Amino acid sequence: MDAEQEINKRLTELEIKASFSEDLLDQLNQVIVRQQQQIDLLMREVSELRQQLPEAGTRQPGRSADDLPPHY
């Protein structure tokens, strides 16, 4: 194989690798976008749940395990 053919072969291999790398980068970007959307949704849900909870320091009526008399 002469030098020109070797250079063409190496160039073709590099082009193929670059193409696969671009495809992988696009896929990873899509994953990141989906994950950020999921994080945003979860943060909104957590915020809504916090708003539903009573304020810190106030207790709900009823007994919990901490309210049991000492002889239990």
PDB file of N, CA and C in Angstrom:
ATOM      1  N   MET A   1       0.856  -1.161   0.000  1.00  0.00           N
ATOM      2  CA  MET A   1       0.000   0.000   0.000  1.00  0.00           C
ATOM      3  C   MET A   1       0.906   1.229   0.000  1.00  0.00           C
ATOM      4  N   ASP A   2       0.609   2.138  -0.880  1.00  0.00           N
ATOM      5  CA  ASP A   2       1.469   3.320  -0.927  1.00  0.00           C
ATOM      6  C   ASP A   2       1.013   4.354   0.102  1.00  0.00           C
ATOM      7  N   ALA A   3       1.782   5.403   0.255  1.00  0.00           N
ATOM      8  CA  ALA A   3       1.557   6.415   1.296  1.00  0.00           C
ATOM      9  C   ALA A   3       0.211   7.105   1.130  1.00  0.00           C
ATOM     10  N   GLU A   4      -0.171   7.378  -0.110  1.00  0.00           N
ATOM     11  CA  GLU A   4      -1.448   8.075  -0.342  1.00  0.00           C
ATOM     12  C   GLU A   4      -2.630   7.206   0.080  1.00  0.00           C
ATOM     13  N   GLN A   5      -2.579   5.925  -0.214  1.00  0.00           N
ATOM     14  CA  GLN A   5      -3.655   5.015   0.191  1.00  0.00           C
ATOM     15  C   GLN A   5      -3.716   4.902   1.721  1.00  0.00           C
ATOM     16  N   GLU A   6      -2.554   4.856   2.353  1.00  0.00           N
ATOM     17  CA  GLU A   6      -2.498   4.770   3.810  1.00  0.00           C
ATOM     18  C   GLU A   6      -3.103   6.020   4.447  1.00  0.00           C
ATOM     19  N   ILE A   7      -2.772   7.174   3.887  1.00  0.00           N
ATOM     20  CA  ILE A   7      -3.330   8.430   4.400  1.00  0.00           C
ATOM     21  C   ILE A   7      -4.839   8.458   4.211  1.00  0.00           C
ATOM     22  N   ASN A   8      -5.317   8.026   3.058  1.00  0.00           N
ATOM     23  CA  ASN A   8      -6.764   7.995   2.794  1.00  0.00           C
ATOM     24  C   ASN A   8      -7.477   7.045   3.755  1.00  0.00           C
ATOM     25  N   LYS A   9      -6.844   5.902   4.020  1.00  0.00           N
ATOM     26  CA  LYS A   9      -7.437   4.935   4.946  1.00  0.00           C
ATOM     27  C   LYS A   9      -7.530   5.529   6.346  1.00  0.00           C
ATOM     28  N   ARG A  10      -6.466   6.151   6.799  1.00  0.00           N
ATOM     29  CA  ARG A  10      -6.457   6.752   8.136  1.00  0.00           C
ATOM     30  C   ARG A  10      -7.461   7.898   8.222  1.00  0.00           C
ATOM     31  N   LEU A  11      -7.566   8.691   7.169  1.00  0.00           N
ATOM     32  CA  LEU A  11      -8.523   9.795   7.140  1.00  0.00           C
ATOM     33  C   LEU A  11      -9.956   9.268   7.213  1.00  0.00           C
ATOM     34  N   THR A  12     -10.232   8.211   6.486  1.00  0.00           N
ATOM     35  CA  THR A  12     -11.570   7.601   6.505  1.00  0.00           C
ATOM     36  C   THR A  12     -11.897   7.077   7.907  1.00  0.00           C
ATOM     37  N   GLU A  13     -10.930   6.424   8.532  1.00  0.00           N
ATOM     38  CA  GLU A  13     -11.148   5.914   9.888  1.00  0.00           C
ATOM     39  C   GLU A  13     -11.418   7.052  10.870  1.00  0.00           C
ATOM     40  N   LEU A  14     -10.685   8.146  10.732  1.00  0.00           N
ATOM     41  CA  LEU A  14     -10.903   9.301  11.604  1.00  0.00           C
ATOM     42  C   LEU A  14     -12.289   9.924  11.373  1.00  0.00           C
ATOM     43  N   GLU A  15     -12.714   9.979  10.129  1.00  0.00           N
ATOM     44  CA  GLU A  15     -14.040  10.512   9.818  1.00  0.00           C
ATOM     45  C   GLU A  15     -15.137   9.636  10.430  1.00  0.00           C
ATOM     46  N   ILE A  16     -14.942   8.334  10.375  1.00  0.00           N
ATOM     47  CA  ILE A  16     -15.916   7.402  10.965  1.00  0.00           C
ATOM     48  C   ILE A  16     -15.976   7.597  12.476  1.00  0.00           C
ATOM     49  N   LYS A  17     -14.809   7.677  13.108  1.00  0.00           N
ATOM     50  CA  LYS A  17     -14.768   7.890  14.555  1.00  0.00           C
ATOM     51  C   LYS A  17     -15.425   9.212  14.932  1.00  0.00           C
ATOM     52  N   ALA A  18     -15.168  10.254  14.175  1.00  0.00           N
ATOM     53  CA  ALA A  18     -15.765  11.567  14.450  1.00  0.00           C
ATOM     54  C   ALA A  18     -17.282  11.500  14.319  1.00  0.00           C
ATOM     55  N   SER A  19     -17.755  10.767  13.328  1.00  0.00           N
ATOM     56  CA  SER A  19     -19.201  10.621  13.140  1.00  0.00           C
ATOM     57  C   SER A  19     -19.842   9.900  14.320  1.00  0.00           C
ATOM     58  N   PHE A  20     -19.220   8.809  14.769  1.00  0.00           N
ATOM     59  CA  PHE A  20     -19.747   8.082  15.928  1.00  0.00           C
ATOM     60  C   PHE A  20     -19.709   8.961  17.182  1.00  0.00           C
ATOM     61  N   SER A  21     -18.663   9.747  17.319  1.00  0.00           N
ATOM     62  CA  SER A  21     -18.545  10.636  18.481  1.00  0.00           C
ATOM     63  C   SER A  21     -19.645  11.691  18.478  1.00  0.00           C
ATOM     64  N   GLU A  22     -19.946  12.241  17.317  1.00  0.00           N
ATOM     65  CA  GLU A  22     -21.024  13.224  17.208  1.00  0.00           C
ATOM     66  C   GLU A  22     -22.366  12.603  17.565  1.00  0.00           C
ATOM     67  N   ASP A  23     -22.620  11.391  17.090  1.00  0.00           N
ATOM     68  CA  ASP A  23     -23.870  10.704  17.416  1.00  0.00           C
ATOM     69  C   ASP A  23     -23.974  10.447  18.920  1.00  0.00           C
ATOM     70  N   LEU A  24     -22.883  10.007  19.522  1.00  0.00           N
ATOM     71  CA  LEU A  24     -22.871   9.749  20.963  1.00  0.00           C
ATOM     72  C   LEU A  24     -23.126  11.032  21.739  1.00  0.00           C
ATOM     73  N   LEU A  25     -22.506  12.113  21.321  1.00  0.00           N
ATOM     74  CA  LEU A  25     -22.699  13.399  21.985  1.00  0.00           C
ATOM     75  C   LEU A  25     -24.155  13.845  21.902  1.00  0.00           C
ATOM     76  N   ASP A  26     -24.777  13.674  20.747  1.00  0.00           N
ATOM     77  CA  ASP A  26     -26.197  14.014  20.598  1.00  0.00           C
ATOM     78  C   ASP A  26     -27.070  13.173  21.533  1.00  0.00           C
ATOM     79  N   GLN A  27     -26.785  11.885  21.623  1.00  0.00           N
ATOM     80  CA  GLN A  27     -27.554  11.012  22.511  1.00  0.00           C
ATOM     81  C   GLN A  27     -27.388  11.420  23.968  1.00  0.00           C
ATOM     82  N   LEU A  28     -26.163  11.726  24.362  1.00  0.00           N
ATOM     83  CA  LEU A  28     -25.915  12.138  25.739  1.00  0.00           C
ATOM     84  C   LEU A  28     -26.603  13.465  26.055  1.00  0.00           C
ATOM     85  N   ASN A  29     -26.621  14.370  25.112  1.00  0.00           N
ATOM     86  CA  ASN A  29     -27.321  15.637  25.307  1.00  0.00           C
ATOM     87  C   ASN A  29     -28.818  15.407  25.502  1.00  0.00           C
ATOM     88  N   GLN A  30     -29.389  14.490  24.752  1.00  0.00           N
ATOM     89  CA  GLN A  30     -30.806  14.167  24.908  1.00  0.00           C
ATOM     90  C   GLN A  30     -31.084  13.583  26.293  1.00  0.00           C
ATOM     91  N   VAL A  31     -30.183  12.736  26.774  1.00  0.00           N
ATOM     92  CA  VAL A  31     -30.333  12.157  28.111  1.00  0.00           C
ATOM     93  C   VAL A  31     -30.293  13.265  29.165  1.00  0.00           C
ATOM     94  N   ILE A  32     -29.368  14.190  29.009  1.00  0.00           N
ATOM     95  CA  ILE A  32     -29.243  15.286  29.967  1.00  0.00           C
ATOM     96  C   ILE A  32     -30.501  16.147  29.974  1.00  0.00           C
ATOM     97  N   VAL A  33     -31.048  16.425  28.817  1.00  0.00           N
ATOM     98  CA  VAL A  33     -32.279  17.225  28.737  1.00  0.00           C
ATOM     99  C   VAL A  33     -33.417  16.504  29.445  1.00  0.00           C
ATOM    100  N   ARG A  34     -33.569  15.201  29.203  1.00  0.00           N
ATOM    101  CA  ARG A  34     -34.631  14.426  29.872  1.00  0.00           C
ATOM    102  C   ARG A  34     -34.429  14.405  31.382  1.00  0.00           C
ATOM    103  N   GLN A  35     -33.200  14.215  31.811  1.00  0.00           N
ATOM    104  CA  GLN A  35     -32.923  14.182  33.246  1.00  0.00           C
ATOM    105  C   GLN A  35     -33.221  15.532  33.892  1.00  0.00           C
ATOM    106  N   GLN A  36     -32.887  16.618  33.227  1.00  0.00           N
ATOM    107  CA  GLN A  36     -33.168  17.943  33.781  1.00  0.00           C
ATOM    108  C   GLN A  36     -34.673  18.159  33.880  1.00  0.00           C
ATOM    109  N   GLN A  37     -35.426  17.683  32.893  1.00  0.00           N
ATOM    110  CA  GLN A  37     -36.888  17.794  32.956  1.00  0.00           C
ATOM    111  C   GLN A  37     -37.430  16.997  34.137  1.00  0.00           C
ATOM    112  N   GLN A  38     -36.872  15.812  34.367  1.00  0.00           N
ATOM    113  CA  GLN A  38     -37.307  14.997  35.499  1.00  0.00           C
ATOM    114  C   GLN A  38     -36.943  15.671  36.820  1.00  0.00           C
ATOM    115  N   ILE A  39     -35.758  16.248  36.904  1.00  0.00           N
ATOM    116  CA  ILE A  39     -35.334  16.943  38.124  1.00  0.00           C
ATOM    117  C   ILE A  39     -36.270  18.122  38.389  1.00  0.00           C
ATOM    118  N   ASP A  40     -36.581  18.888  37.367  1.00  0.00           N
ATOM    119  CA  ASP A  40     -37.486  20.028  37.530  1.00  0.00           C
ATOM    120  C   ASP A  40     -38.850  19.576  38.042  1.00  0.00           C
ATOM    121  N   LEU A  41     -39.366  18.495  37.470  1.00  0.00           N
ATOM    122  CA  LEU A  41     -40.665  17.969  37.898  1.00  0.00           C
ATOM    123  C   LEU A  41     -40.600  17.518  39.355  1.00  0.00           C
ATOM    124  N   LEU A  42     -39.562  16.795  39.723  1.00  0.00           N
ATOM    125  CA  LEU A  42     -39.419  16.320  41.098  1.00  0.00           C
ATOM    126  C   LEU A  42     -39.285  17.486  42.082  1.00  0.00           C
ATOM    127  N   MET A  43     -38.584  18.518  41.682  1.00  0.00           N
ATOM    128  CA  MET A  43     -38.436  19.682  42.562  1.00  0.00           C
ATOM    129  C   MET A  43     -39.785  20.372  42.772  1.00  0.00           C
ATOM    130  N   ARG A  44     -40.583  20.456  41.716  1.00  0.00           N
ATOM    131  CA  ARG A  44     -41.926  21.041  41.869  1.00  0.00           C
ATOM    132  C   ARG A  44     -42.782  20.185  42.791  1.00  0.00           C
ATOM    133  N   GLU A  45     -42.692  18.863  42.636  1.00  0.00           N
ATOM    134  CA  GLU A  45     -43.479  17.967  43.480  1.00  0.00           C
ATOM    135  C   GLU A  45     -43.055  18.072  44.944  1.00  0.00           C
ATOM    136  N   VAL A  46     -41.753  18.142  45.192  1.00  0.00           N
ATOM    137  CA  VAL A  46     -41.263  18.283  46.564  1.00  0.00           C
ATOM    138  C   VAL A  46     -41.751  19.603  47.151  1.00  0.00           C
ATOM    139  N   SER A  47     -41.703  20.649  46.367  1.00  0.00           N
ATOM    140  CA  SER A  47     -42.170  21.954  46.833  1.00  0.00           C
ATOM    141  C   SER A  47     -43.660  21.897  47.193  1.00  0.00           C
ATOM    142  N   GLU A  48     -44.452  21.253  46.356  1.00  0.00           N
ATOM    143  CA  GLU A  48     -45.880  21.113  46.632  1.00  0.00           C
ATOM    144  C   GLU A  48     -46.117  20.293  47.893  1.00  0.00           C
ATOM    145  N   LEU A  49     -45.346  19.231  48.079  1.00  0.00           N
ATOM    146  CA  LEU A  49     -45.495  18.405  49.279  1.00  0.00           C
ATOM    147  C   LEU A  49     -45.117  19.191  50.530  1.00  0.00           C
ATOM    148  N   ARG A  50     -44.077  19.999  50.438  1.00  0.00           N
ATOM    149  CA  ARG A  50     -43.676  20.814  51.591  1.00  0.00           C
ATOM    150  C   ARG A  50     -44.771  21.799  51.965  1.00  0.00           C
ATOM    151  N   GLN A  51     -45.463  22.328  50.973  1.00  0.00           N
ATOM    152  CA  GLN A  51     -46.537  23.267  51.248  1.00  0.00           C
ATOM    153  C   GLN A  51     -47.716  22.574  51.933  1.00  0.00           C
ATOM    154  N   GLN A  52     -47.874  21.275  51.687  1.00  0.00           N
ATOM    155  CA  GLN A  52     -48.963  20.528  52.297  1.00  0.00           C
ATOM    156  C   GLN A  52     -48.658  20.148  53.739  1.00  0.00           C
ATOM    157  N   LEU A  53     -47.378  20.102  54.116  1.00  0.00           N
ATOM    158  CA  LEU A  53     -46.997  19.729  55.471  1.00  0.00           C
ATOM    159  C   LEU A  53     -47.297  20.877  56.422  1.00  0.00           C
ATOM    160  N   PRO A  54     -47.631  20.531  57.667  1.00  0.00           N
ATOM    161  CA  PRO A  54     -47.819  21.599  58.654  1.00  0.00           C
ATOM    162  C   PRO A  54     -46.482  22.274  58.935  1.00  0.00           C
ATOM    163  N   GLU A  55     -46.550  23.468  59.485  1.00  0.00           N
ATOM    164  CA  GLU A  55     -45.314  24.191  59.775  1.00  0.00           C
ATOM    165  C   GLU A  55     -44.482  23.424  60.783  1.00  0.00           C
ATOM    166  N   ALA A  56     -43.192  23.612  60.726  1.00  0.00           N
ATOM    167  CA  ALA A  56     -42.286  22.935  61.654  1.00  0.00           C
ATOM    168  C   ALA A  56     -42.617  23.359  63.080  1.00  0.00           C
ATOM    169  N   GLY A  57     -42.547  22.424  63.986  1.00  0.00           N
ATOM    170  CA  GLY A  57     -42.820  22.722  65.381  1.00  0.00           C
ATOM    171  C   GLY A  57     -44.244  22.436  65.797  1.00  0.00           C
ATOM    172  N   THR A  58     -45.164  22.372  64.881  1.00  0.00           N
ATOM    173  CA  THR A  58     -46.542  22.024  65.230  1.00  0.00           C
ATOM    174  C   THR A  58     -46.722  20.542  65.008  1.00  0.00           C
ATOM    175  N   ARG A  59     -47.537  19.928  65.813  1.00  0.00           N
ATOM    176  CA  ARG A  59     -47.727  18.479  65.735  1.00  0.00           C
ATOM    177  C   ARG A  59     -49.148  18.180  65.303  1.00  0.00           C
ATOM    178  N   GLN A  60     -49.280  17.106  64.589  1.00  0.00           N
ATOM    179  CA  GLN A  60     -50.597  16.626  64.194  1.00  0.00           C
ATOM    180  C   GLN A  60     -51.252  15.944  65.382  1.00  0.00           C
ATOM    181  N   PRO A  61     -52.557  16.038  65.513  1.00  0.00           N
ATOM    182  CA  PRO A  61     -53.229  15.299  66.579  1.00  0.00           C
ATOM    183  C   PRO A  61     -53.075  13.800  66.373  1.00  0.00           C
ATOM    184  N   GLY A  62     -53.107  13.068  67.473  1.00  0.00           N
ATOM    185  CA  GLY A  62     -52.974  11.619  67.381  1.00  0.00           C
ATOM    186  C   GLY A  62     -51.698  11.178  68.058  1.00  0.00           C
ATOM    187  N   ARG A  63     -51.555   9.869  68.178  1.00  0.00           N
ATOM    188  CA  ARG A  63     -50.388   9.325  68.873  1.00  0.00           C
ATOM    189  C   ARG A  63     -49.359   8.825  67.863  1.00  0.00           C
ATOM    190  N   SER A  64     -48.132   9.045  68.215  1.00  0.00           N
ATOM    191  CA  SER A  64     -47.050   8.426  67.450  1.00  0.00           C
ATOM    192  C   SER A  64     -46.275   7.515  68.386  1.00  0.00           C
ATOM    193  N   ALA A  65     -45.311   6.821  67.887  1.00  0.00           N
ATOM    194  CA  ALA A  65     -44.522   5.911  68.726  1.00  0.00           C
ATOM    195  C   ALA A  65     -43.770   6.694  69.792  1.00  0.00           C
ATOM    196  N   ASP A  66     -43.444   7.942  69.537  1.00  0.00           N
ATOM    197  CA  ASP A  66     -42.736   8.770  70.513  1.00  0.00           C
ATOM    198  C   ASP A  66     -43.646   9.175  71.698  1.00  0.00           C
ATOM    199  N   ASP A  67     -44.956   9.092  71.505  1.00  0.00           N
ATOM    200  CA  ASP A  67     -45.898   9.526  72.530  1.00  0.00           C
ATOM    201  C   ASP A  67     -46.250   8.403  73.507  1.00  0.00           C
ATOM    202  N   LEU A  68     -45.694   7.217  73.358  1.00  0.00           N
ATOM    203  CA  LEU A  68     -46.045   6.098  74.233  1.00  0.00           C
ATOM    204  C   LEU A  68     -45.560   6.381  75.650  1.00  0.00           C
ATOM    205  N   PRO A  69     -46.321   5.949  76.640  1.00  0.00           N
ATOM    206  CA  PRO A  69     -45.871   6.119  78.022  1.00  0.00           C
ATOM    207  C   PRO A  69     -44.566   5.349  78.265  1.00  0.00           C
ATOM    208  N   PRO A  70     -43.812   5.720  79.281  1.00  0.00           N
ATOM    209  CA  PRO A  70     -42.503   5.139  79.525  1.00  0.00           C
ATOM    210  C   PRO A  70     -42.524   3.631  79.780  1.00  0.00           C
ATOM    211  N   HIS A  71     -43.630   3.084  80.320  1.00  0.00           N
ATOM    212  CA  HIS A  71     -43.650   1.656  80.633  1.00  0.00           C
ATOM    213  C   HIS A  71     -43.815   0.783  79.406  1.00  0.00           C
ATOM    214  N   TYR A  72     -43.971   1.351  78.227  1.00  0.00           N
ATOM    215  CA  TYR A  72     -44.080   0.544  77.006  1.00  0.00           C
ATOM    216  C   TYR A  72     -42.720   0.272  76.530  1.00  0.00           C
TER     217      TYR A  72
END
